[in-house]
């Protein structure tokens, strides 16, 4: 009843590993691996070698997904340049590694300033470089059509940025070393969304999740799950306020229904379990023990006439009145 299926199936933010051909990371976390440089790159371009192959134009290595993404997002928009950017030398297209092409500015034999880099799989980065790595603002279009636009630090998405999935999902917020970290807003194509805290790629902290049917949860998350204290509101106006554990009601809470019914008490594994009180809108009340969502054990029942009797229940059925 309180399960958070969407939270159990995190959307992955796959990105580029050291700016070489993209690899999907099967870590089941909502993260981005946006690392724009191979480990050998700094050695290969410590100086602009004479045997680097200069091309007259960037090779048409974009695939259908990256071409579609380029048409969707348009040309990359640089911010206002500083004077030192204009002073940096600019090269035409160079093949700096096998099937890896760079066009842009250099300093002391390293990529520095504005530049664009293409890979054989069709992905392309355009933005700022410093010390031979992506630093500052830039955009990476993946071979599968996903797009990251934002801030970079030493080849990693770091700071503020936006990730667009080709299926319509998106994340806008803070990043730390390629992972969603800090505050962010995530949306899915079906209308679901999460706004709140992230910790190293996972929903963790305080946030609000809204499902496509209008149901909402506001409260604590831990490791991508509803966990802690929070309020869940269903589209049919049911509402639970209380403790959660691994996406399930667990602990103490209050559950209310649109017709006026109310339960106040203990839960275990998403069910009434332990001691609790149940109120009906016509004045009836049961106060006693529950098991697996049903009255079980001793309790006190008050009828609509106000008369109270103590009895014993088993699996939701009254066995006997204790005064008889």
Protein backbone atom coordinates (compact mmCIF):
# COMPACT_ATOMS: atom_id res chain seq x y z
CA UNK A 1 0.00 0.00 0.00
CA UNK A 2 2.81 2.37 0.79
CA UNK A 3 5.34 0.89 -1.55
CA UNK A 4 7.50 3.34 -3.49
CA UNK A 5 8.12 1.37 -6.66
CA UNK A 6 9.58 4.36 -8.47
CA UNK A 7 12.18 4.85 -5.77
CA UNK A 8 13.23 1.20 -6.02
CA UNK A 9 13.98 1.53 -9.75
CA UNK A 10 16.36 4.54 -10.01
CA UNK A 11 16.87 6.14 -13.30
CA UNK A 12 20.48 5.87 -14.28
CA UNK A 13 22.44 8.89 -15.33
CA UNK A 14 25.01 7.30 -17.56
CA UNK A 15 27.70 9.55 -18.90
CA UNK A 16 31.13 9.47 -20.39
CA UNK A 17 34.01 7.77 -18.65
CA UNK A 18 37.09 9.96 -18.96
CA UNK A 19 35.87 11.45 -22.22
CA UNK A 20 36.39 8.30 -24.20
CA UNK A 21 33.79 5.97 -25.75
CA UNK A 22 30.87 5.76 -23.35
CA UNK A 23 30.34 2.71 -21.17
CA UNK A 24 27.13 2.01 -19.29
CA UNK A 25 27.79 1.63 -15.57
CA UNK A 26 25.67 -1.18 -14.06
CA UNK A 27 25.78 0.24 -10.53
CA UNK A 28 21.99 0.76 -10.24
CA UNK A 29 22.56 4.28 -8.98
CA UNK A 30 21.27 7.54 -10.32
CA UNK A 31 24.58 9.00 -11.27
CA UNK A 32 26.58 10.41 -14.09
CA UNK A 33 30.04 9.35 -15.11
CA UNK A 34 31.04 12.34 -17.16
CA UNK A 35 34.80 12.13 -17.30
CA UNK A 36 36.10 13.75 -20.44
CA UNK A 37 39.67 12.48 -20.87
CA UNK A 38 41.53 9.25 -21.24
CA UNK A 39 44.34 8.53 -18.82
CA UNK A 40 46.77 8.65 -21.71
CA UNK A 41 45.50 11.92 -23.09
CA UNK A 42 47.65 14.20 -20.94
CA UNK A 43 50.72 12.34 -22.09
CA UNK A 44 49.68 12.33 -25.73
CA UNK A 45 49.11 16.06 -25.87
CA UNK A 46 51.81 17.43 -23.59
CA UNK A 47 52.88 19.18 -26.72
CA UNK A 48 51.22 19.40 -30.11
CA UNK A 49 53.14 16.75 -31.93
CA UNK A 50 54.08 17.19 -35.52
CA UNK A 51 52.57 13.84 -36.47
CA UNK A 52 49.07 14.75 -35.30
CA UNK A 53 46.74 14.40 -38.22
CA UNK A 54 45.17 17.72 -39.15
CA UNK A 55 41.80 17.45 -40.83
CA UNK A 56 40.22 20.04 -43.03
CA UNK A 57 36.85 19.55 -41.35
CA UNK A 58 35.40 17.55 -38.46
CA UNK A 59 34.55 14.07 -39.68
CA UNK A 60 30.89 13.20 -39.89
CA UNK A 61 31.00 10.68 -37.05
CA UNK A 62 27.76 11.65 -35.34
CA UNK A 63 25.24 8.83 -35.17
CA UNK A 64 21.47 9.22 -35.51
CA UNK A 65 21.01 9.68 -31.74
CA UNK A 66 23.57 12.44 -31.38
CA UNK A 67 22.32 14.16 -34.53
CA UNK A 68 18.79 14.12 -33.11
CA UNK A 69 20.08 15.51 -29.81
CA UNK A 70 22.04 18.24 -31.60
CA UNK A 71 18.92 19.26 -33.51
CA UNK A 72 16.97 19.32 -30.25
CA UNK A 73 19.39 21.36 -28.14
CA UNK A 74 20.89 23.52 -30.89
CA UNK A 75 24.36 25.10 -30.99
CA UNK A 76 26.24 25.30 -27.72
CA UNK A 77 26.06 28.78 -26.21
CA UNK A 78 29.29 29.97 -24.62
CA UNK A 79 29.16 32.60 -21.90
CA UNK A 80 30.93 35.93 -22.29
CA UNK A 81 34.64 35.27 -22.84
CA UNK A 82 37.44 36.84 -20.85
CA UNK A 83 40.31 38.63 -22.58
CA UNK A 84 42.75 35.80 -21.93
CA UNK A 85 40.53 33.41 -23.91
CA UNK A 86 41.14 35.45 -27.07
CA UNK A 87 44.89 35.29 -26.51
CA UNK A 88 45.01 31.48 -26.64
CA UNK A 89 46.05 29.87 -29.93
CA UNK A 90 43.42 27.95 -31.87
CA UNK A 91 43.93 24.79 -33.88
CA UNK A 92 41.86 23.17 -36.56
CA UNK A 93 40.72 19.60 -36.17
CA UNK A 94 43.40 17.27 -34.80
CA UNK A 95 43.29 13.55 -34.22
CA UNK A 96 44.74 13.41 -30.71
CA UNK A 97 44.04 9.70 -30.23
CA UNK A 98 42.75 7.01 -32.56
CA UNK A 99 39.38 8.26 -33.81
CA UNK A 100 39.32 11.02 -31.17
CA UNK A 101 39.27 14.51 -32.67
CA UNK A 102 39.77 17.85 -31.00
CA UNK A 103 39.24 21.33 -32.38
CA UNK A 104 39.92 24.33 -30.19
CA UNK A 105 42.39 26.28 -28.11
CA UNK A 106 45.66 25.22 -26.52
CA UNK A 107 48.12 26.40 -23.91
CA UNK A 108 51.55 24.90 -23.30
CA UNK A 109 50.63 21.86 -25.34
CA UNK A 110 47.42 21.15 -23.44
CA UNK A 111 43.77 21.74 -24.25
CA UNK A 112 42.86 25.08 -22.71
CA UNK A 113 40.01 27.49 -23.37
CA UNK A 114 37.18 26.72 -25.75
CA UNK A 115 37.10 23.44 -27.58
CA UNK A 116 35.10 20.63 -29.12
CA UNK A 117 35.92 16.94 -29.00
CA UNK A 118 34.38 14.06 -30.99
CA UNK A 119 34.57 10.30 -30.50
CA UNK A 120 34.07 7.51 -32.98
CA UNK A 121 30.83 6.40 -31.29
CA UNK A 122 29.29 9.79 -32.12
CA UNK A 123 29.45 11.50 -28.75
CA UNK A 124 30.70 15.05 -28.58
CA UNK A 125 31.80 17.48 -25.85
CA UNK A 126 31.85 21.20 -26.39
CA UNK A 127 32.81 23.75 -23.80
CA UNK A 128 35.75 24.88 -21.74
CA UNK A 129 39.00 23.07 -21.04
CA UNK A 130 41.72 23.84 -18.52
CA UNK A 131 44.93 21.91 -17.91
CA UNK A 132 43.94 19.39 -20.57
CA UNK A 133 40.64 18.50 -18.87
CA UNK A 134 37.04 19.66 -19.08
CA UNK A 135 36.79 22.50 -16.58
CA UNK A 136 34.20 25.22 -16.31
CA UNK A 137 31.02 25.03 -18.34
CA UNK A 138 30.37 22.57 -21.11
CA UNK A 139 27.99 20.18 -22.82
CA UNK A 140 28.37 16.46 -23.43
CA UNK A 141 26.09 14.67 -25.88
CA UNK A 142 26.25 10.92 -25.43
CA UNK A 143 26.23 8.35 -28.18
CA UNK A 144 22.75 7.26 -27.05
CA UNK A 145 21.35 10.81 -27.27
CA UNK A 146 21.43 11.76 -23.58
CA UNK A 147 22.74 15.27 -22.87
CA UNK A 148 24.50 16.87 -19.88
CA UNK A 149 24.87 20.65 -19.78
CA UNK A 150 26.54 22.32 -16.84
CA UNK A 151 29.65 22.76 -14.77
CA UNK A 152 32.73 20.55 -14.85
CA UNK A 153 35.73 20.07 -12.60
CA UNK A 154 38.69 18.00 -13.75
CA UNK A 155 36.70 15.95 -16.24
CA UNK A 156 33.72 15.37 -13.93
CA UNK A 157 30.26 16.85 -13.71
CA UNK A 158 30.64 19.00 -10.63
CA UNK A 159 28.59 21.99 -9.52
CA UNK A 160 25.27 22.84 -11.14
CA UNK A 161 24.05 21.03 -14.21
CA UNK A 162 21.16 19.53 -16.16
CA UNK A 163 20.91 16.02 -17.54
CA UNK A 164 18.36 15.25 -20.27
CA UNK A 165 17.45 11.67 -21.17
CA UNK A 166 16.27 10.95 -24.67
CA UNK A 167 13.18 9.26 -23.15
CA UNK A 168 12.06 12.58 -21.63
CA UNK A 169 13.40 12.20 -18.09
CA UNK A 170 15.58 14.98 -16.71
CA UNK A 171 17.53 16.11 -13.65
CA UNK A 172 18.32 19.72 -12.78
CA UNK A 173 20.46 20.38 -9.76
CA UNK A 174 23.76 19.94 -8.02
CA UNK A 175 26.53 17.46 -8.83
CA UNK A 176 29.62 16.19 -7.07
CA UNK A 177 32.22 14.14 -8.91
CA UNK A 178 29.81 12.87 -11.55
CA UNK A 179 26.95 12.10 -9.16
CA UNK A 180 23.75 13.89 -8.20
CA UNK A 181 24.64 15.41 -4.86
CA UNK A 182 22.95 18.23 -3.00
CA UNK A 183 19.58 19.60 -4.03
CA UNK A 184 17.90 18.64 -7.29
CA UNK A 185 14.70 18.25 -9.28
CA UNK A 186 14.15 15.04 -11.23
CA UNK A 187 11.27 14.48 -13.65
CA UNK A 188 10.05 11.48 -15.63
CA UNK A 189 8.15 11.30 -18.89
CA UNK A 190 4.99 9.96 -17.21
CA UNK A 191 4.72 13.08 -15.03
CA UNK A 192 6.32 11.72 -11.88
CA UNK A 193 8.88 13.93 -10.18
CA UNK A 194 11.16 14.16 -7.15
CA UNK A 195 12.45 17.37 -5.60
CA UNK A 196 14.83 17.24 -2.69
CA UNK A 197 18.16 16.07 -1.36
CA UNK A 198 20.61 13.70 -3.03
CA UNK A 199 23.70 12.03 -1.65
CA UNK A 200 26.21 10.55 -4.11
CA UNK A 201 23.60 9.71 -6.70
CA UNK A 202 20.81 8.58 -4.38
CA UNK A 203 17.74 10.27 -2.97
CA UNK A 204 18.80 10.81 0.62
CA UNK A 205 17.57 13.44 3.06
CA UNK A 206 14.38 15.47 2.81
CA UNK A 207 12.32 15.50 -0.35
CA UNK A 208 8.96 15.29 -2.08
CA UNK A 209 8.05 12.57 -4.58
CA UNK A 210 4.97 13.05 -6.76
CA UNK A 211 3.59 10.11 -8.75
CA UNK A 212 1.85 10.39 -12.10
CA UNK A 213 -1.55 9.69 -10.48
CA UNK A 214 -1.16 12.67 -8.14
CA UNK A 215 -0.11 10.76 -5.03
CA UNK A 216 2.67 12.44 -3.04
CA UNK A 217 5.16 11.69 -0.31
CA UNK A 218 6.98 14.39 1.63
CA UNK A 219 9.54 13.48 4.23
CA UNK A 220 12.73 11.58 4.78
CA UNK A 221 14.54 9.37 2.27
CA UNK A 222 17.50 7.08 2.82
CA UNK A 223 19.54 5.36 0.11
CA UNK A 224 16.83 5.96 -2.50
CA UNK A 225 14.00 4.63 -0.31
CA UNK A 226 11.21 6.22 1.71
CA UNK A 227 12.70 5.84 5.15
CA UNK A 228 12.19 7.83 8.34
CA UNK A 229 9.31 10.17 9.04
CA UNK A 230 6.99 11.48 6.37
CA UNK A 231 3.52 12.08 4.98
CA UNK A 232 2.07 10.03 2.11
CA UNK A 233 -1.08 11.29 0.41
CA UNK A 234 -2.92 9.08 -2.05
CA UNK A 235 -4.90 10.40 -5.00
CA UNK A 236 -8.10 9.05 -3.40
CA UNK A 237 -7.49 11.28 -0.33
CA UNK A 238 -6.17 8.61 2.00
CA UNK A 239 -3.28 9.92 4.10
CA UNK A 240 -0.63 8.43 6.33
CA UNK A 241 1.62 10.43 8.64
CA UNK A 242 4.31 8.61 10.55
CA UNK A 243 7.28 6.28 10.42
CA UNK A 244 8.59 4.46 7.34
CA UNK A 245 11.15 1.75 6.73
CA UNK A 246 12.33 0.71 3.28
CA UNK A 247 9.27 2.15 1.49
CA UNK A 248 6.79 0.65 3.96
CA UNK A 249 4.80 2.00 6.89
CA UNK A 250 6.68 0.77 9.93
CA UNK A 251 6.56 2.21 13.44
CA UNK A 252 3.99 4.67 14.75
CA UNK A 253 1.58 6.52 12.51
CA UNK A 254 -1.83 7.93 11.78
CA UNK A 255 -3.88 6.80 8.78
CA UNK A 256 -7.03 8.64 7.70
CA UNK A 257 -9.67 7.96 5.02
CA UNK A 258 -11.83 10.35 3.06
CA UNK A 259 -15.01 9.02 4.75
CA UNK A 260 -13.75 9.95 8.22
CA UNK A 261 -12.24 6.66 9.38
CA UNK A 262 -9.00 6.96 11.31
CA UNK A 263 -6.34 4.63 12.69
CA UNK A 264 -3.72 5.72 15.19
CA UNK A 265 -1.12 3.23 16.32
CA UNK A 266 1.65 0.86 15.37
CA UNK A 267 2.61 -0.54 11.97
CA UNK A 268 4.92 -3.29 10.84
CA UNK A 269 5.77 -4.20 7.26
CA UNK A 270 3.08 -1.89 5.84
CA UNK A 271 0.28 -3.29 8.05
CA UNK A 272 -1.41 -2.41 11.35
CA UNK A 273 0.53 -4.44 13.86
CA UNK A 274 0.84 -3.98 17.60
CA UNK A 275 -1.35 -1.61 19.60
CA UNK A 276 -3.67 0.82 17.88
CA UNK A 277 -6.98 2.67 17.93
CA UNK A 278 -9.48 2.66 15.07
CA UNK A 279 -12.28 5.26 14.86
CA UNK A 280 -15.39 5.21 12.66
CA UNK A 281 -17.24 8.40 11.66
CA UNK A 282 -20.45 7.20 13.45
CA UNK A 283 -18.69 7.16 16.82
CA UNK A 284 -17.62 3.51 16.98
CA UNK A 285 -14.11 2.77 18.22
CA UNK A 286 -11.79 -0.19 18.70
CA UNK A 287 -8.75 0.13 20.95
CA UNK A 288 -6.50 -2.86 21.26
CA UNK A 289 -4.07 -5.16 19.52
CA UNK A 290 -3.56 -5.87 15.83
CA UNK A 291 -1.68 -8.44 13.78
CA UNK A 292 -1.00 -8.38 10.03
CA UNK A 293 -3.55 -5.61 9.52
CA UNK A 294 -6.38 -7.21 11.50
CA UNK A 295 -7.71 -7.03 15.07
CA UNK A 296 -5.98 -9.77 16.99
CA UNK A 297 -5.84 -10.15 20.75
CA UNK A 298 -7.60 -8.26 23.51
CA UNK A 299 -9.27 -4.92 22.90
CA UNK A 300 -12.05 -2.55 23.82
CA UNK A 301 -14.92 -1.90 21.45
CA UNK A 302 -17.23 1.09 21.76
CA UNK A 303 -20.49 1.04 19.84
CA UNK A 304 -22.24 3.99 18.27
CA UNK A 305 -24.39 4.11 21.40
CA UNK A 306 -21.30 4.91 23.50
CA UNK A 307 -21.25 1.61 25.39
CA UNK A 308 -17.81 0.01 25.73
CA UNK A 309 -17.08 -3.70 26.06
CA UNK A 310 -13.82 -5.59 26.38
CA UNK A 311 -13.33 -8.57 24.15
CA UNK A 312 -10.94 -10.81 22.31
CA UNK A 313 -10.35 -10.95 18.55
CA UNK A 314 -8.60 -13.36 16.23
CA UNK A 315 -7.71 -12.61 12.60
CA UNK A 316 -10.16 -9.72 12.52
CA UNK A 317 -13.10 -11.61 14.07
CA UNK A 318 -14.47 -11.24 17.59
CA UNK A 319 -14.18 -14.50 19.52
CA UNK A 320 -15.85 -13.48 22.76
CA UNK A 321 -16.75 -10.72 25.14
CA UNK A 322 -14.71 -10.92 28.32
CA UNK A 323 -17.69 -9.97 30.54
CA UNK A 324 -19.73 -12.98 29.45
